[in-house]
N, C-alpha and C. Protein backbone atom coordinates (compact mmCIF):
# COMPACT_ATOMS: atom_id res chain seq x y z
N MET A 1 35.49 -26.14 -69.72
CA MET A 1 35.20 -27.12 -68.60
C MET A 1 35.41 -26.32 -67.23
N ARG A 2 34.59 -26.68 -66.25
CA ARG A 2 34.53 -26.02 -64.75
C ARG A 2 34.87 -27.09 -63.85
N LEU A 3 35.66 -26.73 -62.84
CA LEU A 3 35.76 -27.72 -61.60
C LEU A 3 35.02 -26.94 -60.52
N MET A 4 34.12 -27.51 -60.11
CA MET A 4 33.59 -26.83 -58.86
C MET A 4 33.80 -27.53 -57.54
N CYS A 5 34.13 -26.74 -56.46
CA CYS A 5 34.30 -27.41 -55.23
C CYS A 5 33.36 -26.95 -54.24
N PHE A 6 32.69 -27.75 -53.52
CA PHE A 6 31.54 -27.35 -52.40
C PHE A 6 31.98 -27.98 -51.14
N PHE A 7 32.13 -27.13 -50.08
CA PHE A 7 32.64 -27.73 -49.00
C PHE A 7 31.73 -27.05 -47.55
N ASP A 8 31.78 -27.88 -46.56
CA ASP A 8 31.08 -27.70 -45.56
C ASP A 8 32.00 -27.88 -44.37
N LEU A 9 32.81 -27.06 -43.81
CA LEU A 9 33.97 -27.48 -42.75
C LEU A 9 33.71 -26.91 -41.36
N PRO A 10 33.88 -27.77 -40.44
CA PRO A 10 33.51 -27.15 -39.01
C PRO A 10 34.45 -26.00 -38.50
N MET A 11 34.11 -25.11 -37.79
CA MET A 11 34.69 -23.95 -37.65
C MET A 11 34.46 -23.55 -36.06
N GLU A 12 34.41 -24.75 -35.08
CA GLU A 12 34.11 -24.40 -33.76
C GLU A 12 35.33 -24.20 -32.85
N THR A 13 36.64 -25.00 -33.25
CA THR A 13 37.59 -24.81 -32.59
C THR A 13 38.61 -24.12 -33.18
N LYS A 14 39.67 -23.52 -32.30
CA LYS A 14 40.72 -22.51 -33.39
C LYS A 14 41.62 -23.48 -34.32
N GLN A 15 41.76 -24.73 -33.97
CA GLN A 15 42.49 -25.81 -34.93
C GLN A 15 41.56 -25.83 -36.26
N GLU A 16 40.23 -25.83 -35.91
CA GLU A 16 39.33 -26.19 -37.28
C GLU A 16 39.22 -24.92 -38.22
N GLN A 17 39.39 -23.66 -37.34
CA GLN A 17 39.14 -22.61 -38.21
C GLN A 17 40.45 -22.34 -38.80
N LYS A 18 41.82 -22.57 -38.23
CA LYS A 18 43.00 -22.68 -39.13
C LYS A 18 43.03 -23.65 -40.37
N TYR A 19 42.43 -25.06 -40.18
CA TYR A 19 42.27 -25.86 -41.12
C TYR A 19 41.32 -25.20 -42.26
N TYR A 20 40.17 -24.69 -42.02
CA TYR A 20 39.39 -23.79 -42.88
C TYR A 20 40.21 -22.85 -43.62
N ARG A 21 40.87 -22.04 -42.97
CA ARG A 21 41.69 -20.73 -43.64
C ARG A 21 42.59 -21.42 -44.70
N VAL A 22 43.33 -22.66 -44.13
CA VAL A 22 44.43 -22.92 -45.30
C VAL A 22 43.70 -23.68 -46.30
N PHE A 23 42.79 -24.22 -46.01
CA PHE A 23 41.72 -24.85 -47.36
C PHE A 23 41.51 -23.60 -48.40
N ARG A 24 40.83 -22.71 -47.72
CA ARG A 24 40.30 -21.74 -48.63
C ARG A 24 41.51 -20.85 -49.30
N LYS A 25 42.56 -20.75 -48.84
CA LYS A 25 43.70 -19.81 -49.37
C LYS A 25 44.26 -20.86 -50.30
N LYS A 26 44.01 -22.23 -50.25
CA LYS A 26 44.72 -23.05 -51.23
C LYS A 26 43.73 -22.93 -52.47
N LEU A 27 42.44 -22.72 -52.39
CA LEU A 27 41.56 -22.85 -53.32
C LEU A 27 41.86 -21.57 -54.27
N ILE A 28 42.24 -20.30 -53.46
CA ILE A 28 42.35 -19.19 -54.27
C ILE A 28 43.72 -19.16 -54.76
N GLU A 29 44.61 -19.70 -54.29
CA GLU A 29 46.09 -19.76 -54.94
C GLU A 29 46.06 -20.83 -56.20
N LEU A 30 44.94 -21.58 -56.15
CA LEU A 30 44.93 -22.63 -57.35
C LEU A 30 43.93 -21.93 -58.39
N GLY A 31 43.60 -20.69 -58.28
CA GLY A 31 42.89 -19.99 -59.24
C GLY A 31 41.26 -20.38 -59.20
N PHE A 32 40.68 -20.73 -58.02
CA PHE A 32 39.28 -20.91 -57.77
C PHE A 32 38.73 -19.54 -57.39
N VAL A 33 37.54 -19.07 -57.96
CA VAL A 33 36.85 -18.04 -57.52
C VAL A 33 35.50 -18.37 -56.76
N MET A 34 35.18 -17.62 -55.78
CA MET A 34 33.88 -17.75 -55.11
C MET A 34 32.58 -17.61 -56.01
N VAL A 35 31.71 -18.57 -55.90
CA VAL A 35 30.56 -18.38 -56.53
C VAL A 35 29.60 -18.09 -55.46
N GLN A 36 29.52 -18.56 -54.43
CA GLN A 36 28.55 -18.23 -53.07
C GLN A 36 29.77 -18.82 -51.90
N GLU A 37 29.13 -18.69 -50.98
CA GLU A 37 29.78 -19.06 -49.63
C GLU A 37 30.02 -20.75 -49.79
N SER A 38 31.28 -21.04 -49.66
CA SER A 38 31.65 -22.49 -49.70
C SER A 38 31.33 -23.05 -50.81
N VAL A 39 31.15 -22.40 -51.97
CA VAL A 39 31.22 -23.02 -53.35
C VAL A 39 31.95 -22.07 -54.31
N TYR A 40 33.20 -22.82 -54.61
CA TYR A 40 34.34 -22.07 -55.56
C TYR A 40 34.25 -22.90 -56.83
N VAL A 41 34.94 -22.07 -57.98
CA VAL A 41 34.72 -22.61 -59.14
C VAL A 41 35.98 -22.38 -59.92
N ARG A 42 36.50 -22.93 -60.96
CA ARG A 42 37.76 -22.63 -61.49
C ARG A 42 37.46 -23.22 -62.99
N THR A 43 38.05 -22.65 -64.21
CA THR A 43 37.88 -23.15 -65.31
C THR A 43 39.20 -24.07 -65.51
N LEU A 44 38.96 -25.07 -66.36
CA LEU A 44 39.98 -26.07 -66.56
C LEU A 44 40.15 -26.20 -68.16
N PRO A 45 41.16 -26.54 -68.95
CA PRO A 45 41.19 -26.74 -70.31
C PRO A 45 40.60 -27.99 -70.82
N ASN A 46 40.65 -29.12 -69.67
CA ASN A 46 40.36 -30.34 -70.30
C ASN A 46 40.08 -31.32 -69.01
N ARG A 47 39.65 -32.34 -69.15
CA ARG A 47 39.36 -33.17 -68.09
C ARG A 47 40.77 -33.87 -67.32
N SER A 48 41.67 -33.94 -67.97
CA SER A 48 43.07 -34.45 -67.59
C SER A 48 43.45 -33.70 -66.38
N GLN A 49 43.15 -32.10 -66.51
CA GLN A 49 43.61 -31.33 -65.52
C GLN A 49 43.07 -31.51 -63.88
N LEU A 50 42.03 -32.25 -64.01
CA LEU A 50 41.02 -32.49 -62.83
C LEU A 50 41.89 -33.21 -61.82
N THR A 51 42.85 -34.19 -62.01
CA THR A 51 43.43 -34.77 -61.30
C THR A 51 44.69 -33.97 -60.47
N LYS A 52 45.14 -33.04 -61.24
CA LYS A 52 46.08 -32.26 -60.72
C LYS A 52 45.73 -31.39 -59.62
N TYR A 53 44.33 -30.84 -59.90
CA TYR A 53 43.82 -30.01 -58.64
C TYR A 53 43.22 -30.73 -57.54
N GLU A 54 42.71 -31.93 -58.01
CA GLU A 54 42.13 -32.83 -56.91
C GLU A 54 43.53 -33.29 -55.99
N GLU A 55 44.47 -33.61 -56.34
CA GLU A 55 45.75 -33.97 -55.95
C GLU A 55 46.37 -32.89 -54.73
N GLN A 56 46.14 -31.69 -55.39
CA GLN A 56 46.49 -30.42 -54.57
C GLN A 56 45.45 -30.01 -53.41
N LEU A 57 44.41 -30.20 -53.64
CA LEU A 57 43.45 -30.07 -52.60
C LEU A 57 43.40 -31.20 -51.50
N LYS A 58 43.64 -32.40 -51.92
CA LYS A 58 43.68 -33.47 -50.97
C LYS A 58 44.82 -33.28 -49.73
N ARG A 59 45.73 -32.58 -50.56
CA ARG A 59 46.99 -32.31 -49.39
C ARG A 59 46.56 -31.34 -48.16
N VAL A 60 45.35 -30.38 -48.44
CA VAL A 60 45.17 -29.32 -47.34
C VAL A 60 43.71 -29.45 -47.01
N THR A 61 43.18 -30.80 -47.68
CA THR A 61 41.63 -30.93 -47.03
C THR A 61 41.52 -31.44 -45.60
N PRO A 62 40.87 -30.62 -44.61
CA PRO A 62 40.67 -31.02 -43.14
C PRO A 62 40.27 -32.60 -43.26
N TYR A 63 40.48 -33.51 -41.99
CA TYR A 63 40.09 -34.73 -41.91
C TYR A 63 38.76 -34.83 -41.51
N ASN A 64 38.12 -33.70 -41.09
CA ASN A 64 36.46 -33.85 -40.83
C ASN A 64 35.80 -32.68 -41.70
N GLY A 65 34.59 -32.87 -41.71
CA GLY A 65 33.83 -31.86 -42.67
C GLY A 65 33.52 -32.79 -44.01
N LEU A 66 32.99 -32.01 -44.93
CA LEU A 66 32.60 -32.32 -46.08
C LEU A 66 33.22 -31.46 -47.48
N VAL A 67 33.88 -32.15 -48.44
CA VAL A 67 34.49 -31.55 -49.60
C VAL A 67 34.21 -32.27 -50.77
N GLU A 68 33.63 -31.61 -51.66
CA GLU A 68 33.13 -32.26 -52.93
C GLU A 68 33.61 -31.59 -53.98
N LEU A 69 33.96 -32.45 -55.15
CA LEU A 69 34.49 -31.62 -56.37
C LEU A 69 33.57 -32.29 -57.40
N MET A 70 33.09 -31.42 -58.29
CA MET A 70 32.20 -31.96 -59.44
C MET A 70 32.75 -31.01 -60.94
N TYR A 71 32.79 -31.71 -61.77
CA TYR A 71 33.40 -31.39 -63.10
C TYR A 71 32.17 -31.27 -64.08
N VAL A 72 32.10 -30.07 -64.33
CA VAL A 72 30.74 -29.45 -65.48
C VAL A 72 31.19 -28.75 -66.65
N SER A 73 30.54 -29.15 -67.77
CA SER A 73 31.05 -28.64 -69.11
C SER A 73 30.64 -27.05 -69.02
N GLU A 74 31.02 -26.24 -69.86
CA GLU A 74 30.84 -24.70 -70.02
C GLU A 74 29.25 -24.57 -70.15
N LYS A 75 28.74 -25.55 -70.80
CA LYS A 75 27.30 -25.20 -71.38
C LYS A 75 26.47 -25.69 -69.89
N GLN A 76 26.88 -26.56 -69.26
CA GLN A 76 26.10 -26.88 -68.09
C GLN A 76 26.15 -25.77 -67.13
N PHE A 77 27.40 -25.25 -67.05
CA PHE A 77 27.51 -24.35 -66.00
C PHE A 77 26.83 -23.00 -66.47
N ASN A 78 26.84 -22.60 -67.44
CA ASN A 78 26.03 -21.34 -68.31
C ASN A 78 24.61 -21.54 -68.17
N ASP A 79 23.92 -22.94 -68.20
CA ASP A 79 22.76 -23.16 -67.94
C ASP A 79 21.98 -23.26 -66.69
N ARG A 80 22.92 -22.75 -65.69
CA ARG A 80 22.29 -22.45 -64.46
C ARG A 80 21.20 -21.39 -64.29
N ARG A 81 20.36 -21.69 -63.42
CA ARG A 81 19.10 -20.80 -63.19
C ARG A 81 19.25 -20.02 -61.94
N PHE A 82 19.15 -18.90 -62.00
CA PHE A 82 19.00 -17.87 -60.93
C PHE A 82 17.63 -17.87 -60.35
N LEU A 83 17.28 -18.50 -59.11
CA LEU A 83 15.88 -18.13 -58.74
C LEU A 83 15.73 -16.74 -57.90
N THR A 84 17.05 -16.49 -57.51
CA THR A 84 17.02 -15.26 -56.60
C THR A 84 18.57 -14.66 -56.89
N GLY A 85 18.86 -13.44 -56.81
CA GLY A 85 20.15 -13.05 -56.70
C GLY A 85 20.75 -12.90 -58.25
N GLU A 86 22.01 -13.00 -58.48
CA GLU A 86 22.69 -12.92 -59.59
C GLU A 86 24.28 -13.31 -59.58
N LYS A 87 24.97 -13.19 -60.57
CA LYS A 87 26.26 -13.81 -60.73
C LYS A 87 27.11 -12.65 -59.68
N ALA A 88 28.03 -13.68 -59.31
CA ALA A 88 29.07 -12.68 -58.33
C ALA A 88 29.98 -12.12 -59.00
N PRO A 89 30.09 -10.84 -58.63
CA PRO A 89 31.25 -10.02 -59.42
C PRO A 89 32.46 -10.55 -59.82
N GLN A 90 33.18 -11.63 -59.02
CA GLN A 90 34.26 -12.16 -59.51
C GLN A 90 33.96 -13.10 -60.85
N GLU A 91 32.83 -13.79 -60.71
CA GLU A 91 32.31 -14.72 -61.81
C GLU A 91 32.00 -13.78 -63.00
N VAL A 92 31.59 -12.66 -62.88
CA VAL A 92 31.20 -11.87 -64.06
C VAL A 92 32.75 -11.42 -64.71
N ALA A 93 33.47 -11.22 -63.83
CA ALA A 93 35.02 -10.73 -64.41
C ALA A 93 35.81 -12.04 -65.14
N VAL A 94 35.77 -13.08 -64.21
CA VAL A 94 36.33 -14.03 -65.19
C VAL A 94 35.76 -14.81 -66.14
N GLY A 95 34.20 -14.78 -66.09
CA GLY A 95 33.82 -15.30 -67.42
C GLY A 95 34.06 -16.69 -67.55
N ASN A 96 34.32 -17.09 -68.90
CA ASN A 96 34.63 -18.29 -69.24
C ASN A 96 36.20 -18.15 -69.69
N ASN A 97 36.85 -17.18 -69.31
CA ASN A 97 38.36 -17.12 -69.74
C ASN A 97 39.22 -17.83 -68.87
N LYS A 98 40.08 -18.42 -69.56
CA LYS A 98 41.13 -19.42 -69.05
C LYS A 98 42.07 -18.73 -67.94
N MET A 99 42.41 -17.14 -68.43
CA MET A 99 43.26 -16.47 -67.69
C MET A 99 42.81 -15.11 -67.59
N VAL A 100 42.88 -14.62 -66.32
CA VAL A 100 42.39 -13.07 -66.14
C VAL A 100 43.54 -12.32 -65.45
N ILE A 101 43.90 -11.38 -65.90
CA ILE A 101 45.13 -10.66 -65.44
C ILE A 101 44.39 -9.27 -64.71
N ILE A 102 44.93 -9.35 -63.59
CA ILE A 102 44.07 -8.09 -62.77
C ILE A 102 45.19 -7.02 -62.45
């Protein structure tokens, strides 16, 4: 299973830029990898783990902007169609492994 995080956060003021950096850093700490700008994804063993990550992200989500979470199966995630471009190097390295040691 995959948990996808889509976000569009304002970065006009210094404070908004700080909120963006804190949010993005938390995503990375939680094991999310960037698929494209403002789209991050993480593998999960089951749907019950969704609440754990949702709660941790809520703590650092800025009050303005847009943050969405979407839970998809491995099959749905792998059935994506690329109209242009290709998988990000991080995504190729992680694949559908639950843990990657670098």
